[in-house]
Protein backbone atom coordinates (compact mmCIF):
# COMPACT_ATOMS: atom_id res chain seq x y z
CA UNK A 1 116.31 155.07 137.72
CA UNK A 2 117.38 151.77 139.99
CA UNK A 3 120.80 151.40 138.53
CA UNK A 4 119.95 147.67 137.87
CA UNK A 5 116.85 148.37 135.88
CA UNK A 6 117.07 146.47 132.84
CA UNK A 7 114.73 146.76 130.50
CA UNK A 8 115.97 144.60 127.73
CA UNK A 9 115.53 142.30 130.73
CA UNK A 10 111.96 142.59 130.87
CA UNK A 11 111.61 142.15 126.53
CA UNK A 12 113.31 138.65 127.06
CA UNK A 13 111.26 137.72 129.95
CA UNK A 14 107.95 139.06 128.29
CA UNK A 15 109.21 137.04 124.64
CA UNK A 16 109.59 133.89 127.03
CA UNK A 17 105.95 134.24 128.15
CA UNK A 18 104.87 134.29 124.62
CA UNK A 19 106.65 131.88 123.47
CA UNK A 20 105.31 129.22 125.93
CA UNK A 21 101.93 130.22 125.25
CA UNK A 22 102.34 130.05 121.59
CA UNK A 23 104.70 126.85 120.96
CA UNK A 24 105.37 123.70 122.26
CA UNK A 25 108.46 123.85 124.04
CA UNK A 26 108.63 120.24 125.50
CA UNK A 27 109.78 118.47 122.78
CA UNK A 28 112.63 115.59 124.23
CA UNK A 29 115.88 116.04 122.68
CA UNK A 30 117.07 112.69 123.30
CA UNK A 31 113.76 111.26 122.21
CA UNK A 32 115.22 112.67 118.82
CA UNK A 33 118.43 110.97 119.59
CA UNK A 34 116.78 107.61 120.25
CA UNK A 35 114.63 107.71 117.37
CA UNK A 36 117.21 108.17 115.51
CA UNK A 37 118.90 104.60 117.12
CA UNK A 38 115.73 102.64 116.29
CA UNK A 39 115.71 103.88 112.79
CA UNK A 40 119.57 102.78 111.93
CA UNK A 41 118.85 99.25 113.76
CA UNK A 42 115.93 98.65 111.83
CA UNK A 43 117.49 100.00 108.70
CA UNK A 44 120.05 97.37 109.88
CA UNK A 45 117.91 94.57 109.94
CA UNK A 46 115.99 95.81 106.67
CA UNK A 47 119.68 95.63 105.22
CA UNK A 48 120.50 91.75 106.34
CA UNK A 49 116.66 91.23 104.78
CA UNK A 50 117.10 92.43 101.41
CA UNK A 51 120.51 91.62 100.78
CA UNK A 52 120.42 88.68 102.65
CA UNK A 53 117.70 87.02 100.02
CA UNK A 54 117.96 85.85 96.20
CA UNK A 55 114.72 88.05 95.77
CA UNK A 56 115.03 91.55 94.30
CA UNK A 57 112.74 93.37 96.12
CA UNK A 58 112.26 96.14 93.84
CA UNK A 59 112.10 94.57 90.74
CA UNK A 60 110.47 90.86 91.72
CA UNK A 61 108.12 91.52 94.01
CA UNK A 62 105.72 94.25 92.06
CA UNK A 63 101.96 93.37 92.83
CA UNK A 64 103.06 90.58 95.23
CA UNK A 65 102.03 92.89 98.47
CA UNK A 66 102.25 90.67 100.92
CA UNK A 67 105.47 87.92 101.49
CA UNK A 68 107.58 86.43 103.63
CA UNK A 69 110.52 88.62 102.08
CA UNK A 70 108.07 91.45 102.66
CA UNK A 71 105.91 91.16 105.98
CA UNK A 72 109.49 91.27 108.32
CA UNK A 73 110.47 94.96 106.48
CA UNK A 74 106.71 96.09 107.37
CA UNK A 75 106.87 94.59 111.02
CA UNK A 76 110.73 96.56 111.31
CA UNK A 77 109.05 99.77 109.74
CA UNK A 78 106.06 99.12 112.20
CA UNK A 79 108.16 98.66 115.32
CA UNK A 80 110.58 101.57 114.98
CA UNK A 81 107.51 103.99 113.91
CA UNK A 82 105.81 102.95 117.41
CA UNK A 83 109.01 102.80 119.67
CA UNK A 84 109.90 106.57 118.06
CA UNK A 85 106.25 107.05 119.31
CA UNK A 86 106.56 106.05 122.17
CA UNK A 87 109.46 107.44 123.42
CA UNK A 88 108.78 110.82 122.33
CA UNK A 89 105.34 111.16 124.27
CA UNK A 90 106.97 109.98 127.51
CA UNK A 91 110.20 112.04 127.50
CA UNK A 92 107.85 114.77 126.53
CA UNK A 93 105.48 114.18 128.83
CA UNK A 94 108.83 113.98 131.72
CA UNK A 95 110.07 117.07 130.58
CA UNK A 96 106.64 118.84 130.52
CA UNK A 97 106.03 117.41 134.53
CA UNK A 98 108.92 118.96 134.88
CA UNK A 99 108.25 122.55 133.79
CA UNK A 100 104.44 122.37 135.44
CA UNK A 101 102.74 122.34 132.37
CA UNK A 102 100.52 120.09 130.90
CA UNK A 103 101.44 117.91 127.55
CA UNK A 104 98.32 118.35 125.91
CA UNK A 105 97.81 122.10 125.86
CA UNK A 106 96.97 124.43 123.32
CA UNK A 107 100.16 124.58 121.80
CA UNK A 108 100.63 120.80 121.49
CA UNK A 109 97.20 120.71 119.87
CA UNK A 110 97.99 123.08 117.08
CA UNK A 111 101.64 121.39 116.84
CA UNK A 112 99.84 118.19 116.71
CA UNK A 113 97.32 119.58 113.77
CA UNK A 114 100.11 120.89 112.13
CA UNK A 115 102.58 118.07 111.72
CA UNK A 116 99.41 115.41 111.33
CA UNK A 117 98.10 116.76 108.58
CA UNK A 118 100.88 116.56 105.99
CA UNK A 119 102.39 113.27 107.27
CA UNK A 120 98.72 111.24 107.07
CA UNK A 121 98.25 112.74 103.60
CA UNK A 122 102.11 111.38 102.77
CA UNK A 123 101.45 107.57 104.60
CA UNK A 124 98.22 107.36 102.64
CA UNK A 125 99.77 107.91 99.16
CA UNK A 126 102.87 105.62 100.69
CA UNK A 127 99.99 102.89 100.96
CA UNK A 128 98.69 103.56 97.35
CA UNK A 129 102.12 103.18 96.07
CA UNK A 130 102.67 100.55 98.04
CA UNK A 131 99.69 98.70 96.53
CA UNK A 132 100.58 99.52 93.04
CA UNK A 133 103.82 98.10 93.65
CA UNK A 134 106.08 101.42 93.09
CA UNK A 135 108.31 99.91 96.21
CA UNK A 136 111.59 101.85 94.68
CA UNK A 137 109.64 105.14 95.40
CA UNK A 138 108.57 104.33 99.00
CA UNK A 139 111.91 105.70 100.89
CA UNK A 140 111.27 109.10 98.83
CA UNK A 141 108.09 109.44 99.67
CA UNK A 142 107.89 108.47 103.69
CA UNK A 143 111.27 111.14 103.54
CA UNK A 144 109.46 114.20 101.70
CA UNK A 145 106.05 113.82 103.59
CA UNK A 146 108.08 113.78 107.33
CA UNK A 147 109.78 116.51 105.69
CA UNK A 148 106.55 118.61 104.71
CA UNK A 149 105.27 117.74 107.97
CA UNK A 150 107.95 119.06 110.37
CA UNK A 151 108.63 122.23 108.13
CA UNK A 152 104.58 122.59 108.45
CA UNK A 153 105.21 122.09 112.36
CA UNK A 154 107.95 124.50 112.69
CA UNK A 155 105.79 127.13 113.26
CA UNK A 156 104.43 125.61 116.72
CA UNK A 157 107.70 124.34 118.24
CA UNK A 158 110.96 125.08 117.70
CA UNK A 159 111.66 126.63 114.91
CA UNK A 160 115.05 124.70 114.47
CA UNK A 161 113.12 121.56 113.76
CA UNK A 162 112.29 123.09 110.33
CA UNK A 163 116.16 122.38 109.10
CA UNK A 164 115.60 119.09 110.02
CA UNK A 165 112.35 119.39 107.85
CA UNK A 166 114.25 120.77 104.93
CA UNK A 167 117.31 118.03 105.46
CA UNK A 168 114.39 115.13 105.17
CA UNK A 169 112.88 116.67 102.13
CA UNK A 170 116.85 117.54 100.14
CA UNK A 171 116.96 112.89 101.41
CA UNK A 172 113.72 112.44 99.80
CA UNK A 173 114.44 114.35 96.56
CA UNK A 174 117.83 111.92 96.30
CA UNK A 175 116.29 109.05 97.26
CA UNK A 176 113.81 109.96 93.84
CA UNK A 177 117.28 110.10 91.85
CA UNK A 178 118.58 106.98 93.25
CA UNK A 179 115.39 104.44 94.09
CA UNK A 180 118.02 101.32 94.61
CA UNK A 181 119.71 103.30 97.32
CA UNK A 182 115.88 103.72 99.04
CA UNK A 183 117.36 102.00 102.18
CA UNK A 184 120.56 104.17 102.46
CA UNK A 185 118.93 107.76 102.44
CA UNK A 186 116.45 106.50 105.01
CA UNK A 187 118.51 105.22 107.05
CA UNK A 188 120.67 108.96 107.02
CA UNK A 189 116.86 110.57 107.49
CA UNK A 190 115.52 108.92 109.94
CA UNK A 191 118.07 107.69 111.64
CA UNK A 192 121.16 109.95 111.20
CA UNK A 193 119.70 112.99 110.96
CA UNK A 194 117.93 112.77 113.90
CA UNK A 195 120.43 111.93 116.00
CA UNK A 196 122.28 115.17 114.61
CA UNK A 197 119.51 117.34 115.40
CA UNK A 198 118.98 115.63 119.00
CA UNK A 199 122.30 116.28 119.85
CA UNK A 200 122.08 119.74 118.68
CA UNK A 201 118.66 120.46 119.92
CA UNK A 202 120.35 118.98 123.53
CA UNK A 203 123.21 121.22 123.11
CA UNK A 204 121.64 124.36 122.81
CA UNK A 205 118.01 124.34 124.72
CA UNK A 206 118.71 121.62 127.47
CA UNK A 207 122.29 121.32 128.44
CA UNK A 208 123.04 123.06 132.05
């Protein structure tokens, strides 16, 4: 027998090949960090709008869906979302290309569909809450549904993403218990947790 033959090496290689064929592993740690930075900047801008206004948004804007006070918040949330998604796609494309893989492959499709279904349901639910005037539950709902989408997506990418999902859900529950602190929990969930997750992913998978 070859003295240099190590069955465990072959098993590790087979496991790696099977994992690449079933899981999308081109998610970029940097994109998670940048998404967190975008969220914190957005939360800071929203804080200035909310607490710099004489209107108490949660309680005095009920049934007033688009006002000069609310419109900037909607635009900020939309900008954060677009920036985060665009950055994620760009950096994932670069990572996939560097590995000689297609971005929109079988594992990527499974990841997308497993994430988008609960995420879309959450988006519809949040819109309903908004038009019914339940502003105090918006932060909690976005965190809860986003967390559930991440848990579901964890079957088709790095399993670590489930821990991020559980963290988002925990913060969503707290945001529901303390509705007046929704912006704080939103900043923690979409900002701080993403940055921490991105750093951990970089140290664990991408650092050379």
